[in-house]
Amino acid sequence: MAAFKYNVGLQNVGSYQVSGKPWATGSIGCRADALAIAQVDFPNVTSWVMVSNLDSTNATLRVGFSSGGVAGVPTCADQGNRFLEIAPTSGSGPVRFDIKVTQVFLSGSDNCSVIAGLTGIAPDTINMVKANSPSGSNWSGSSGIG
């Protein structure tokens, strides 16, 4: 009888059922007058990501999965933008995404934070082509998810 080797991976349910290893960063400034688009790289594939917008002037934060997606490029009349908008925390609180990614891109806020639960899955298991994601290790918000 052949033995089956059970490993961590994108389709491995156990990798997402266990508590994630904590990861956090804060005080990210990603306004057009400072750094127009901030790229946050995770050391492993995430199980979940939570983003807070703490902007001092009540500016809306854009969250996406590619720099082009957050910038709204390319814009297609029939497809709309490829980012989510988060109002400042004073009214909405942090937003949680149950997603498996290795990067998020942020724009529009002078102060935002990102907290994530990491799996044991290496980021190179997501193998996208460079045309879809600058590093090739994320699903792209600029070309959609197939």
C-alpha atoms as a PDB file:
ATOM      1  CA  MET A   1       0.000   0.000   0.000  1.00  0.00           C
ATOM      2  CA  ALA A   2       1.348   3.445  -0.950  1.00  0.00           C
ATOM      3  CA  ALA A   3       1.830   5.980   1.818  1.00  0.00           C
ATOM      4  CA  PHE A   4       0.345   9.444   1.360  1.00  0.00           C
ATOM      5  CA  LYS A   5       2.512  12.345   2.535  1.00  0.00           C
ATOM      6  CA  TYR A   6       0.413  15.150   3.986  1.00  0.00           C
ATOM      7  CA  ASN A   7       2.090  18.585   3.529  1.00  0.00           C
ATOM      8  CA  VAL A   8       1.196  22.212   4.085  1.00  0.00           C
ATOM      9  CA  GLY A   9       0.007  24.018   0.984  1.00  0.00           C
ATOM     10  CA  LEU A  10      -2.608  26.267  -0.559  1.00  0.00           C
ATOM     11  CA  GLN A  11      -5.235  23.498  -0.674  1.00  0.00           C
ATOM     12  CA  ASN A  12      -4.374  22.084   2.770  1.00  0.00           C
ATOM     13  CA  VAL A  13      -7.308  22.745   5.116  1.00  0.00           C
ATOM     14  CA  GLY A  14      -5.251  22.191   8.251  1.00  0.00           C
ATOM     15  CA  SER A  15      -2.976  25.092   7.297  1.00  0.00           C
ATOM     16  CA  TYR A  16      -5.933  27.440   7.754  1.00  0.00           C
ATOM     17  CA  GLN A  17      -7.681  25.741  10.718  1.00  0.00           C
ATOM     18  CA  VAL A  18      -4.855  26.372  13.162  1.00  0.00           C
ATOM     19  CA  SER A  19      -4.267  29.800  14.661  1.00  0.00           C
ATOM     20  CA  GLY A  20      -2.112  32.004  12.474  1.00  0.00           C
ATOM     21  CA  LYS A  21       1.342  33.186  13.505  1.00  0.00           C
ATOM     22  CA  PRO A  22       0.925  36.886  14.370  1.00  0.00           C
ATOM     23  CA  TRP A  23       2.372  39.557  12.101  1.00  0.00           C
ATOM     24  CA  ALA A  24       1.828  43.332  12.389  1.00  0.00           C
ATOM     25  CA  THR A  25       3.028  46.685  11.091  1.00  0.00           C
ATOM     26  CA  GLY A  26       1.757  50.189  11.737  1.00  0.00           C
ATOM     27  CA  SER A  27       2.163  53.878  11.025  1.00  0.00           C
ATOM     28  CA  ILE A  28       2.172  53.313   7.272  1.00  0.00           C
ATOM     29  CA  GLY A  29       1.925  56.601   5.391  1.00  0.00           C
ATOM     30  CA  CYS A  30       0.702  56.104   1.844  1.00  0.00           C
ATOM     31  CA  ARG A  31      -0.642  59.464   0.731  1.00  0.00           C
ATOM     32  CA  ALA A  32       0.199  60.895  -2.667  1.00  0.00           C
ATOM     33  CA  ASP A  33       2.315  63.631  -1.007  1.00  0.00           C
ATOM     34  CA  ALA A  34       4.507  61.003   0.721  1.00  0.00           C
ATOM     35  CA  LEU A  35       4.485  57.464  -0.661  1.00  0.00           C
ATOM     36  CA  ALA A  36       1.649  57.103  -3.157  1.00  0.00           C
ATOM     37  CA  ILE A  37       1.356  53.307  -2.881  1.00  0.00           C
ATOM     38  CA  ALA A  38       2.727  51.235  -0.024  1.00  0.00           C
ATOM     39  CA  GLN A  39       3.497  47.550  -0.599  1.00  0.00           C
ATOM     40  CA  VAL A  40       3.247  45.274   2.431  1.00  0.00           C
ATOM     41  CA  ASP A  41       5.005  41.906   2.003  1.00  0.00           C
ATOM     42  CA  PHE A  42       4.209  38.974   4.267  1.00  0.00           C
ATOM     43  CA  PRO A  43       6.872  36.315   4.987  1.00  0.00           C
ATOM     44  CA  ASN A  44       4.298  33.520   4.514  1.00  0.00           C
ATOM     45  CA  VAL A  45       0.878  33.109   2.929  1.00  0.00           C
ATOM     46  CA  THR A  46      -1.794  34.673   5.129  1.00  0.00           C
ATOM     47  CA  SER A  47      -4.918  33.077   6.530  1.00  0.00           C
ATOM     48  CA  TRP A  48      -6.447  36.462   7.296  1.00  0.00           C
ATOM     49  CA  VAL A  49      -5.496  40.147   7.093  1.00  0.00           C
ATOM     50  CA  MET A  50      -6.922  43.056   9.102  1.00  0.00           C
ATOM     51  CA  VAL A  51      -6.440  46.658   7.927  1.00  0.00           C
ATOM     52  CA  SER A  52      -7.097  49.833   9.948  1.00  0.00           C
ATOM     53  CA  ASN A  53      -7.289  53.358   8.561  1.00  0.00           C
ATOM     54  CA  LEU A  54      -6.213  55.871  11.231  1.00  0.00           C
ATOM     55  CA  ASP A  55      -5.918  58.877   8.883  1.00  0.00           C
ATOM     56  CA  SER A  56      -5.747  62.227  10.673  1.00  0.00           C
ATOM     57  CA  THR A  57      -7.770  64.091   8.026  1.00  0.00           C
ATOM     58  CA  ASN A  58     -10.473  61.462   7.473  1.00  0.00           C
ATOM     59  CA  ALA A  59      -9.094  60.370   4.089  1.00  0.00           C
ATOM     60  CA  THR A  60     -10.260  57.053   2.649  1.00  0.00           C
ATOM     61  CA  LEU A  61      -7.737  54.204   2.361  1.00  0.00           C
ATOM     62  CA  ARG A  62      -7.550  52.032  -0.762  1.00  0.00           C
ATOM     63  CA  VAL A  63      -6.612  48.373  -0.273  1.00  0.00           C
ATOM     64  CA  GLY A  64      -5.784  46.069  -3.189  1.00  0.00           C
ATOM     65  CA  PHE A  65      -3.678  43.148  -4.284  1.00  0.00           C
ATOM     66  CA  SER A  66      -1.458  44.862  -6.884  1.00  0.00           C
ATOM     67  CA  SER A  67      -0.081  48.380  -7.308  1.00  0.00           C
ATOM     68  CA  GLY A  68      -2.041  48.753 -10.555  1.00  0.00           C
ATOM     69  CA  GLY A  69      -5.210  47.594  -8.846  1.00  0.00           C
ATOM     70  CA  VAL A  70      -4.891  50.199  -6.073  1.00  0.00           C
ATOM     71  CA  ALA A  71      -4.024  52.905  -8.605  1.00  0.00           C
ATOM     72  CA  GLY A  72      -7.111  51.992 -10.650  1.00  0.00           C
ATOM     73  CA  VAL A  73      -5.009  51.052 -13.695  1.00  0.00           C
ATOM     74  CA  PRO A  74      -6.127  49.894 -16.147  1.00  0.00           C
ATOM     75  CA  THR A  75      -9.595  51.307 -15.811  1.00  0.00           C
ATOM     76  CA  CYS A  76     -12.268  49.442 -17.717  1.00  0.00           C
ATOM     77  CA  ALA A  77     -15.767  50.855 -17.949  1.00  0.00           C
ATOM     78  CA  ASP A  78     -17.346  47.430 -17.572  1.00  0.00           C
ATOM     79  CA  GLN A  79     -15.089  46.192 -14.736  1.00  0.00           C
ATOM     80  CA  GLY A  80     -14.751  49.134 -12.326  1.00  0.00           C
ATOM     81  CA  ASN A  81     -11.896  49.603  -9.883  1.00  0.00           C
ATOM     82  CA  ARG A  82      -9.848  46.813  -8.339  1.00  0.00           C
ATOM     83  CA  PHE A  83      -9.522  48.029  -4.791  1.00  0.00           C
ATOM     84  CA  LEU A  84     -11.589  48.302  -1.648  1.00  0.00           C
ATOM     85  CA  GLU A  85     -12.044  51.560   0.227  1.00  0.00           C
ATOM     86  CA  ILE A  86     -11.862  51.768   4.008  1.00  0.00           C
ATOM     87  CA  ALA A  87     -13.129  54.843   5.822  1.00  0.00           C
ATOM     88  CA  PRO A  88     -11.145  56.157   8.811  1.00  0.00           C
ATOM     89  CA  THR A  89     -11.365  53.953  11.910  1.00  0.00           C
ATOM     90  CA  SER A  90     -13.330  56.523  13.883  1.00  0.00           C
ATOM     91  CA  GLY A  91     -16.445  55.438  12.028  1.00  0.00           C
ATOM     92  CA  SER A  92     -15.855  51.925  10.776  1.00  0.00           C
ATOM     93  CA  GLY A  93     -13.145  50.152  12.778  1.00  0.00           C
ATOM     94  CA  PRO A  94     -10.638  47.722  11.267  1.00  0.00           C
ATOM     95  CA  VAL A  95     -11.668  45.566   8.309  1.00  0.00           C
ATOM     96  CA  ARG A  96     -10.844  41.849   8.299  1.00  0.00           C
ATOM     97  CA  PHE A  97     -10.266  39.839   5.129  1.00  0.00           C
ATOM     98  CA  ASP A  98     -10.166  36.024   5.219  1.00  0.00           C
ATOM     99  CA  ILE A  99      -7.773  35.689   2.288  1.00  0.00           C
ATOM    100  CA  LYS A 100      -4.586  33.889   1.329  1.00  0.00           C
ATOM    101  CA  VAL A 101      -2.124  36.439  -0.049  1.00  0.00           C
ATOM    102  CA  THR A 102       1.550  37.334   0.260  1.00  0.00           C
ATOM    103  CA  GLN A 103       1.172  41.069  -0.382  1.00  0.00           C
ATOM    104  CA  VAL A 104      -1.285  43.923   0.018  1.00  0.00           C
ATOM    105  CA  PHE A 105      -1.044  47.398  -1.478  1.00  0.00           C
ATOM    106  CA  LEU A 106      -2.303  50.536   0.260  1.00  0.00           C
ATOM    107  CA  SER A 107      -2.913  54.122  -0.856  1.00  0.00           C
ATOM    108  CA  GLY A 108      -4.572  57.303   0.373  1.00  0.00           C
ATOM    109  CA  SER A 109      -4.005  57.413   4.150  1.00  0.00           C
ATOM    110  CA  ASP A 110      -1.382  59.147   6.292  1.00  0.00           C
ATOM    111  CA  ASN A 111      -1.597  56.417   8.951  1.00  0.00           C
ATOM    112  CA  CYS A 112      -2.780  52.844   8.519  1.00  0.00           C
ATOM    113  CA  SER A 113      -1.883  49.512  10.057  1.00  0.00           C
ATOM    114  CA  VAL A 114      -1.937  45.895   8.943  1.00  0.00           C
ATOM    115  CA  ILE A 115      -2.236  42.813  11.135  1.00  0.00           C
ATOM    116  CA  ALA A 116      -2.208  39.284   9.707  1.00  0.00           C
ATOM    117  CA  GLY A 117      -2.364  35.646  10.721  1.00  0.00           C
ATOM    118  CA  LEU A 118       0.329  33.725   8.852  1.00  0.00           C
ATOM    119  CA  THR A 119       0.154  30.089   7.807  1.00  0.00           C
ATOM    120  CA  GLY A 120       3.186  27.801   7.506  1.00  0.00           C
ATOM    121  CA  ILE A 121       2.891  28.019   3.704  1.00  0.00           C
ATOM    122  CA  ALA A 122       5.892  29.518   1.875  1.00  0.00           C
ATOM    123  CA  PRO A 123       5.092  32.532  -0.347  1.00  0.00           C
ATOM    124  CA  ASP A 124       6.593  30.902  -3.438  1.00  0.00           C
ATOM    125  CA  THR A 125       3.691  28.420  -3.540  1.00  0.00           C
ATOM    126  CA  ILE A 126       1.654  31.226  -5.111  1.00  0.00           C
ATOM    127  CA  ASN A 127       3.217  31.320  -8.536  1.00  0.00           C
ATOM    128  CA  MET A 128       1.662  34.054 -10.636  1.00  0.00           C
ATOM    129  CA  VAL A 129       3.317  35.504 -13.714  1.00  0.00           C
ATOM    130  CA  LYS A 130       5.184  38.790 -13.331  1.00  0.00           C
ATOM    131  CA  ALA A 131       2.705  40.566 -15.608  1.00  0.00           C
ATOM    132  CA  ASN A 132      -0.019  40.047 -13.005  1.00  0.00           C
ATOM    133  CA  SER A 133       1.938  40.909  -9.869  1.00  0.00           C
ATOM    134  CA  PRO A 134       5.198  42.850  -9.587  1.00  0.00           C
ATOM    135  CA  SER A 135       6.892  40.092  -7.588  1.00  0.00           C
ATOM    136  CA  GLY A 136       4.972  37.215  -9.170  1.00  0.00           C
ATOM    137  CA  SER A 137       3.891  35.995  -5.738  1.00  0.00           C
ATOM    138  CA  ASN A 138       0.363  37.328  -5.353  1.00  0.00           C
ATOM    139  CA  TRP A 139      -2.999  37.247  -7.052  1.00  0.00           C
ATOM    140  CA  SER A 140      -3.372  40.445  -9.014  1.00  0.00           C
ATOM    141  CA  GLY A 141      -6.006  43.073  -8.508  1.00  0.00           C
ATOM    142  CA  SER A 142      -5.121  44.654 -11.834  1.00  0.00           C
ATOM    143  CA  SER A 143      -6.080  41.695 -14.007  1.00  0.00           C
ATOM    144  CA  GLY A 144      -8.717  40.064 -11.800  1.00  0.00           C
ATOM    145  CA  ILE A 145      -8.703  36.658 -10.219  1.00  0.00           C
ATOM    146  CA  GLY A 146      -9.488  33.734 -12.487  1.00  0.00           C
END
